[in-house]
Amino acid sequence: EVSIPEAIKKIPAIKQGVAFSLDENKFSYLSTIELANFRGFTLEAGYSSDDKAVAVFSYPILKLKNYLDLPILDLLECNLGVYAGYGRITLGNGNAKDNNEFTYGFSATLLRLKW
């Protein structure tokens, strides 16, 4: 028997943050989900606003809910990490100079939304 509330609790949290690309020297918006967590370190996968699939490796620096008691603080946390992204994956000849773009840099996750 499937319990809908129990199934919803198993959906991973969606994280929202920013990234700074070291090779392009620009900021982008990140939206990721947690794939794995080990001793505080988190592996995430998602999408950036500059049309790239990204993988993020991060560590929580600050969780305000540990210091203050406000309901909204369950959504706020600061995770710093590194990311790598890949975009415009094309197998054909097409416009070859704009295809298969790789990027990397630093990331900061600020919001954690749980269902």
N, C-alpha and C. Protein backbone atom coordinates (compact mmCIF):
# COMPACT_ATOMS: atom_id res chain seq x y z
N GLU A 1 0.84 -1.19 0.00
CA GLU A 1 0.00 0.00 0.00
C GLU A 1 0.88 1.25 0.00
N VAL A 2 0.53 2.21 -0.83
CA VAL A 2 1.31 3.43 -0.98
C VAL A 2 0.64 4.56 -0.20
N SER A 3 1.43 5.20 0.64
CA SER A 3 0.95 6.35 1.40
C SER A 3 1.49 7.61 0.72
N ILE A 4 0.59 8.48 0.27
CA ILE A 4 1.00 9.68 -0.44
C ILE A 4 1.84 10.60 0.44
N PRO A 5 1.49 10.87 1.70
CA PRO A 5 2.36 11.71 2.54
C PRO A 5 3.76 11.13 2.72
N GLU A 6 3.85 9.82 2.85
CA GLU A 6 5.18 9.19 2.99
C GLU A 6 5.97 9.30 1.69
N ALA A 7 5.30 9.16 0.56
CA ALA A 7 5.98 9.29 -0.74
C ALA A 7 6.47 10.72 -0.96
N ILE A 8 5.69 11.71 -0.55
CA ILE A 8 6.09 13.11 -0.71
C ILE A 8 7.30 13.42 0.15
N LYS A 9 7.39 12.84 1.33
CA LYS A 9 8.55 13.08 2.20
C LYS A 9 9.85 12.57 1.59
N LYS A 10 9.77 11.62 0.68
CA LYS A 10 10.96 11.04 0.06
C LYS A 10 11.47 11.86 -1.13
N ILE A 11 10.69 12.83 -1.59
CA ILE A 11 11.12 13.68 -2.70
C ILE A 11 12.27 14.56 -2.20
N PRO A 12 13.38 14.61 -2.94
CA PRO A 12 14.52 15.40 -2.47
C PRO A 12 14.21 16.90 -2.46
N ALA A 13 14.92 17.61 -1.60
CA ALA A 13 14.76 19.06 -1.49
C ALA A 13 15.28 19.75 -2.75
N ILE A 14 14.62 20.83 -3.13
CA ILE A 14 15.07 21.65 -4.24
C ILE A 14 15.85 22.81 -3.66
N LYS A 15 17.06 23.02 -4.17
CA LYS A 15 17.92 24.09 -3.67
C LYS A 15 18.04 25.17 -4.73
N GLN A 16 18.02 26.42 -4.28
CA GLN A 16 18.12 27.58 -5.16
C GLN A 16 19.36 28.38 -4.74
N GLY A 17 20.13 28.83 -5.70
CA GLY A 17 21.32 29.59 -5.36
C GLY A 17 21.93 30.28 -6.56
N VAL A 18 23.17 30.71 -6.38
CA VAL A 18 23.91 31.40 -7.43
C VAL A 18 25.24 30.70 -7.66
N ALA A 19 25.79 30.93 -8.85
CA ALA A 19 27.09 30.37 -9.19
C ALA A 19 27.90 31.44 -9.90
N PHE A 20 29.20 31.39 -9.68
CA PHE A 20 30.11 32.28 -10.40
C PHE A 20 31.04 31.42 -11.24
N SER A 21 30.99 31.62 -12.54
CA SER A 21 31.80 30.85 -13.48
C SER A 21 33.21 31.44 -13.55
N LEU A 22 34.21 30.62 -13.29
CA LEU A 22 35.59 31.08 -13.33
C LEU A 22 36.10 31.25 -14.76
N ASP A 23 35.58 30.50 -15.70
CA ASP A 23 36.06 30.64 -17.07
C ASP A 23 35.31 31.71 -17.86
N GLU A 24 34.06 32.01 -17.49
CA GLU A 24 33.29 33.04 -18.19
C GLU A 24 33.19 34.34 -17.39
N ASN A 25 33.58 34.32 -16.12
CA ASN A 25 33.54 35.49 -15.24
C ASN A 25 32.15 36.13 -15.17
N LYS A 26 31.13 35.29 -14.95
CA LYS A 26 29.78 35.83 -14.80
C LYS A 26 28.98 34.97 -13.82
N PHE A 27 27.92 35.58 -13.28
CA PHE A 27 27.05 34.91 -12.34
C PHE A 27 25.89 34.24 -13.08
N SER A 28 25.39 33.16 -12.51
CA SER A 28 24.18 32.52 -13.03
C SER A 28 23.37 32.00 -11.85
N TYR A 29 22.13 31.68 -12.13
CA TYR A 29 21.19 31.17 -11.13
C TYR A 29 21.19 29.65 -11.21
N LEU A 30 21.21 28.98 -10.05
CA LEU A 30 21.20 27.52 -10.00
C LEU A 30 19.93 27.00 -9.35
N SER A 31 19.45 25.89 -9.86
CA SER A 31 18.35 25.15 -9.25
C SER A 31 18.78 23.68 -9.26
N THR A 32 18.94 23.09 -8.06
CA THR A 32 19.46 21.73 -7.96
C THR A 32 18.64 20.89 -6.99
N ILE A 33 18.86 19.58 -7.05
CA ILE A 33 18.30 18.66 -6.06
C ILE A 33 19.44 17.84 -5.47
N GLU A 34 19.26 17.41 -4.23
CA GLU A 34 20.27 16.60 -3.56
C GLU A 34 20.24 15.18 -4.08
N LEU A 35 21.41 14.66 -4.44
CA LEU A 35 21.52 13.27 -4.87
C LEU A 35 22.08 12.39 -3.76
N ALA A 36 23.07 12.92 -3.03
CA ALA A 36 23.71 12.15 -1.97
C ALA A 36 24.24 13.11 -0.91
N ASN A 37 24.32 12.60 0.32
CA ASN A 37 24.81 13.39 1.44
C ASN A 37 25.68 12.49 2.31
N PHE A 38 26.91 12.93 2.59
CA PHE A 38 27.83 12.14 3.41
C PHE A 38 28.59 13.08 4.33
N ARG A 39 28.36 12.93 5.64
CA ARG A 39 29.04 13.73 6.67
C ARG A 39 28.94 15.23 6.41
N GLY A 40 27.79 15.66 5.96
CA GLY A 40 27.57 17.08 5.70
C GLY A 40 27.84 17.50 4.26
N PHE A 41 28.71 16.80 3.56
CA PHE A 41 28.99 17.12 2.16
C PHE A 41 27.84 16.63 1.29
N THR A 42 27.46 17.44 0.32
CA THR A 42 26.31 17.12 -0.51
C THR A 42 26.68 17.13 -1.99
N LEU A 43 26.20 16.13 -2.70
CA LEU A 43 26.32 16.09 -4.16
C LEU A 43 24.95 16.43 -4.72
N GLU A 44 24.90 17.41 -5.60
CA GLU A 44 23.65 17.88 -6.17
C GLU A 44 23.74 17.88 -7.70
N ALA A 45 22.60 17.81 -8.35
CA ALA A 45 22.52 17.93 -9.81
C ALA A 45 21.38 18.86 -10.15
N GLY A 46 21.54 19.60 -11.24
CA GLY A 46 20.47 20.52 -11.61
C GLY A 46 20.76 21.27 -12.88
N TYR A 47 20.30 22.52 -12.91
CA TYR A 47 20.29 23.32 -14.12
C TYR A 47 20.66 24.75 -13.77
N SER A 48 21.38 25.43 -14.66
CA SER A 48 21.73 26.82 -14.44
C SER A 48 21.00 27.72 -15.43
N SER A 49 20.94 29.01 -15.10
CA SER A 49 20.21 29.95 -15.96
C SER A 49 20.91 30.21 -17.29
N ASP A 50 22.16 29.80 -17.43
CA ASP A 50 22.81 29.94 -18.74
C ASP A 50 22.77 28.63 -19.52
N ASP A 51 21.69 27.87 -19.33
CA ASP A 51 21.36 26.68 -20.11
C ASP A 51 22.42 25.57 -20.03
N LYS A 52 22.80 25.24 -18.82
CA LYS A 52 23.77 24.17 -18.63
C LYS A 52 23.27 23.20 -17.55
N ALA A 53 23.51 21.92 -17.77
CA ALA A 53 23.29 20.93 -16.73
C ALA A 53 24.50 21.00 -15.80
N VAL A 54 24.26 21.01 -14.48
CA VAL A 54 25.36 21.20 -13.53
C VAL A 54 25.38 20.11 -12.47
N ALA A 55 26.57 19.89 -11.94
CA ALA A 55 26.77 19.05 -10.76
C ALA A 55 27.47 19.93 -9.73
N VAL A 56 26.99 19.87 -8.48
CA VAL A 56 27.51 20.72 -7.41
C VAL A 56 27.96 19.85 -6.25
N PHE A 57 29.10 20.16 -5.69
CA PHE A 57 29.61 19.51 -4.48
C PHE A 57 29.72 20.60 -3.43
N SER A 58 28.92 20.52 -2.35
CA SER A 58 28.84 21.63 -1.40
C SER A 58 28.88 21.16 0.05
N TYR A 59 29.04 22.14 0.94
CA TYR A 59 29.07 21.90 2.38
C TYR A 59 28.31 23.03 3.07
N PRO A 60 27.44 22.71 4.05
CA PRO A 60 26.68 23.77 4.73
C PRO A 60 27.58 24.59 5.65
N ILE A 61 27.54 25.89 5.47
CA ILE A 61 28.32 26.81 6.29
C ILE A 61 27.48 27.39 7.42
N LEU A 62 26.20 27.68 7.13
CA LEU A 62 25.35 28.33 8.12
C LEU A 62 23.91 27.85 7.97
N LYS A 63 23.33 27.44 9.10
CA LYS A 63 21.90 27.13 9.16
C LYS A 63 21.31 27.98 10.28
N LEU A 64 20.59 29.02 9.90
CA LEU A 64 20.06 29.96 10.88
C LEU A 64 19.06 29.32 11.84
N LYS A 65 18.40 28.24 11.41
CA LYS A 65 17.41 27.60 12.28
C LYS A 65 18.07 26.98 13.51
N ASN A 66 19.40 26.79 13.48
CA ASN A 66 20.10 26.29 14.66
C ASN A 66 20.29 27.37 15.72
N TYR A 67 20.12 28.65 15.34
CA TYR A 67 20.37 29.75 16.26
C TYR A 67 19.13 30.55 16.61
N LEU A 68 18.15 30.62 15.70
CA LEU A 68 16.92 31.37 15.93
C LEU A 68 15.72 30.46 15.72
N ASP A 69 14.63 30.78 16.37
CA ASP A 69 13.43 29.96 16.26
C ASP A 69 12.33 30.73 15.50
N LEU A 70 12.42 30.71 14.17
CA LEU A 70 11.40 31.30 13.31
C LEU A 70 11.06 30.28 12.23
N PRO A 71 9.79 30.10 11.90
CA PRO A 71 9.40 29.09 10.91
C PRO A 71 10.04 29.29 9.53
N ILE A 72 10.25 30.53 9.11
CA ILE A 72 10.81 30.79 7.78
C ILE A 72 12.26 30.33 7.68
N LEU A 73 12.95 30.21 8.79
CA LEU A 73 14.37 29.86 8.77
C LEU A 73 14.62 28.41 8.35
N ASP A 74 13.57 27.59 8.31
CA ASP A 74 13.73 26.23 7.79
C ASP A 74 14.09 26.24 6.30
N LEU A 75 13.77 27.35 5.62
CA LEU A 75 14.04 27.46 4.19
C LEU A 75 15.42 28.02 3.89
N LEU A 76 16.02 28.72 4.86
CA LEU A 76 17.27 29.42 4.61
C LEU A 76 18.46 28.63 5.13
N GLU A 77 19.45 28.48 4.28
CA GLU A 77 20.72 27.90 4.69
C GLU A 77 21.77 28.37 3.69
N CYS A 78 23.01 28.35 4.08
CA CYS A 78 24.08 28.78 3.20
C CYS A 78 25.03 27.62 2.99
N ASN A 79 25.05 27.09 1.78
CA ASN A 79 25.97 26.02 1.39
C ASN A 79 26.94 26.59 0.38
N LEU A 80 28.23 26.46 0.63
CA LEU A 80 29.23 26.89 -0.33
C LEU A 80 29.82 25.67 -1.00
N GLY A 81 30.13 25.80 -2.29
CA GLY A 81 30.66 24.65 -2.99
C GLY A 81 31.30 24.99 -4.32
N VAL A 82 31.61 23.96 -5.04
CA VAL A 82 32.15 24.09 -6.40
C VAL A 82 31.17 23.40 -7.35
N TYR A 83 31.17 23.86 -8.59
CA TYR A 83 30.26 23.25 -9.55
C TYR A 83 30.96 23.09 -10.90
N ALA A 84 30.42 22.20 -11.68
CA ALA A 84 30.84 22.02 -13.07
C ALA A 84 29.58 21.87 -13.90
N GLY A 85 29.58 22.45 -15.08
CA GLY A 85 28.40 22.39 -15.93
C GLY A 85 28.75 22.13 -17.37
N TYR A 86 27.78 21.62 -18.09
CA TYR A 86 27.98 21.28 -19.50
C TYR A 86 26.72 21.65 -20.25
N GLY A 87 26.86 22.34 -21.36
CA GLY A 87 25.68 22.77 -22.09
C GLY A 87 25.83 22.67 -23.59
N ARG A 88 24.70 22.80 -24.27
CA ARG A 88 24.61 22.75 -25.73
C ARG A 88 25.27 21.49 -26.28
N ILE A 89 24.86 20.37 -25.77
CA ILE A 89 25.42 19.10 -26.21
C ILE A 89 24.82 18.76 -27.58
N THR A 90 25.66 18.70 -28.59
CA THR A 90 25.22 18.44 -29.94
C THR A 90 26.09 17.37 -30.57
N LEU A 91 25.46 16.41 -31.20
CA LEU A 91 26.21 15.33 -31.84
C LEU A 91 26.49 15.61 -33.32
N GLY A 92 25.72 16.48 -33.93
CA GLY A 92 25.91 16.78 -35.35
C GLY A 92 26.94 17.88 -35.57
N ASN A 93 27.17 18.24 -36.83
CA ASN A 93 28.14 19.28 -37.15
C ASN A 93 27.64 20.66 -36.76
N GLY A 94 26.43 21.00 -37.09
CA GLY A 94 25.79 22.24 -36.68
C GLY A 94 26.74 23.42 -36.56
N ASN A 95 26.55 24.22 -35.55
CA ASN A 95 27.42 25.36 -35.25
C ASN A 95 28.44 24.89 -34.22
N ALA A 96 29.49 24.25 -34.66
CA ALA A 96 30.42 23.53 -33.78
C ALA A 96 31.09 24.43 -32.75
N LYS A 97 31.34 25.70 -33.03
CA LYS A 97 32.05 26.54 -32.07
C LYS A 97 31.20 26.85 -30.83
N ASP A 98 29.88 26.77 -30.92
CA ASP A 98 29.02 27.05 -29.78
C ASP A 98 28.52 25.79 -29.08
N ASN A 99 28.92 24.63 -29.54
CA ASN A 99 28.42 23.38 -28.98
C ASN A 99 29.34 22.87 -27.87
N ASN A 100 28.78 22.03 -27.02
CA ASN A 100 29.54 21.32 -26.00
C ASN A 100 30.35 22.26 -25.10
N GLU A 101 29.67 23.22 -24.49
CA GLU A 101 30.32 24.20 -23.63
C GLU A 101 30.49 23.64 -22.21
N PHE A 102 31.69 23.72 -21.68
CA PHE A 102 31.99 23.29 -20.31
C PHE A 102 32.26 24.53 -19.47
N THR A 103 31.80 24.53 -18.24
CA THR A 103 32.07 25.63 -17.33
C THR A 103 32.27 25.08 -15.92
N TYR A 104 32.89 25.87 -15.06
CA TYR A 104 33.16 25.47 -13.67
C TYR A 104 33.30 26.73 -12.83
N GLY A 105 33.16 26.57 -11.52
CA GLY A 105 33.32 27.72 -10.64
C GLY A 105 32.83 27.43 -9.24
N PHE A 106 32.45 28.50 -8.53
CA PHE A 106 32.00 28.43 -7.15
C PHE A 106 30.49 28.61 -7.09
N SER A 107 29.86 28.01 -6.07
CA SER A 107 28.41 28.14 -5.92
C SER A 107 28.06 28.46 -4.47
N ALA A 108 26.90 29.08 -4.32
CA ALA A 108 26.34 29.36 -2.99
C ALA A 108 24.85 29.08 -3.05
N THR A 109 24.39 28.15 -2.23
CA THR A 109 22.98 27.80 -2.15
C THR A 109 22.38 28.56 -0.98
N LEU A 110 21.24 29.23 -1.21
CA LEU A 110 20.65 30.06 -0.18
C LEU A 110 19.29 29.58 0.29
N LEU A 111 18.52 28.95 -0.58
CA LEU A 111 17.19 28.47 -0.23
C LEU A 111 17.11 26.96 -0.39
N ARG A 112 16.40 26.32 0.53
CA ARG A 112 16.18 24.87 0.46
C ARG A 112 14.68 24.64 0.61
N LEU A 113 14.04 24.19 -0.46
CA LEU A 113 12.59 24.02 -0.46
C LEU A 113 12.24 22.53 -0.40
N LYS A 114 11.56 22.14 0.63
CA LYS A 114 11.17 20.74 0.81
C LYS A 114 9.66 20.64 0.65
N TRP A 115 9.20 19.57 -0.02
CA TRP A 115 7.78 19.36 -0.26
C TRP A 115 7.07 19.06 1.03
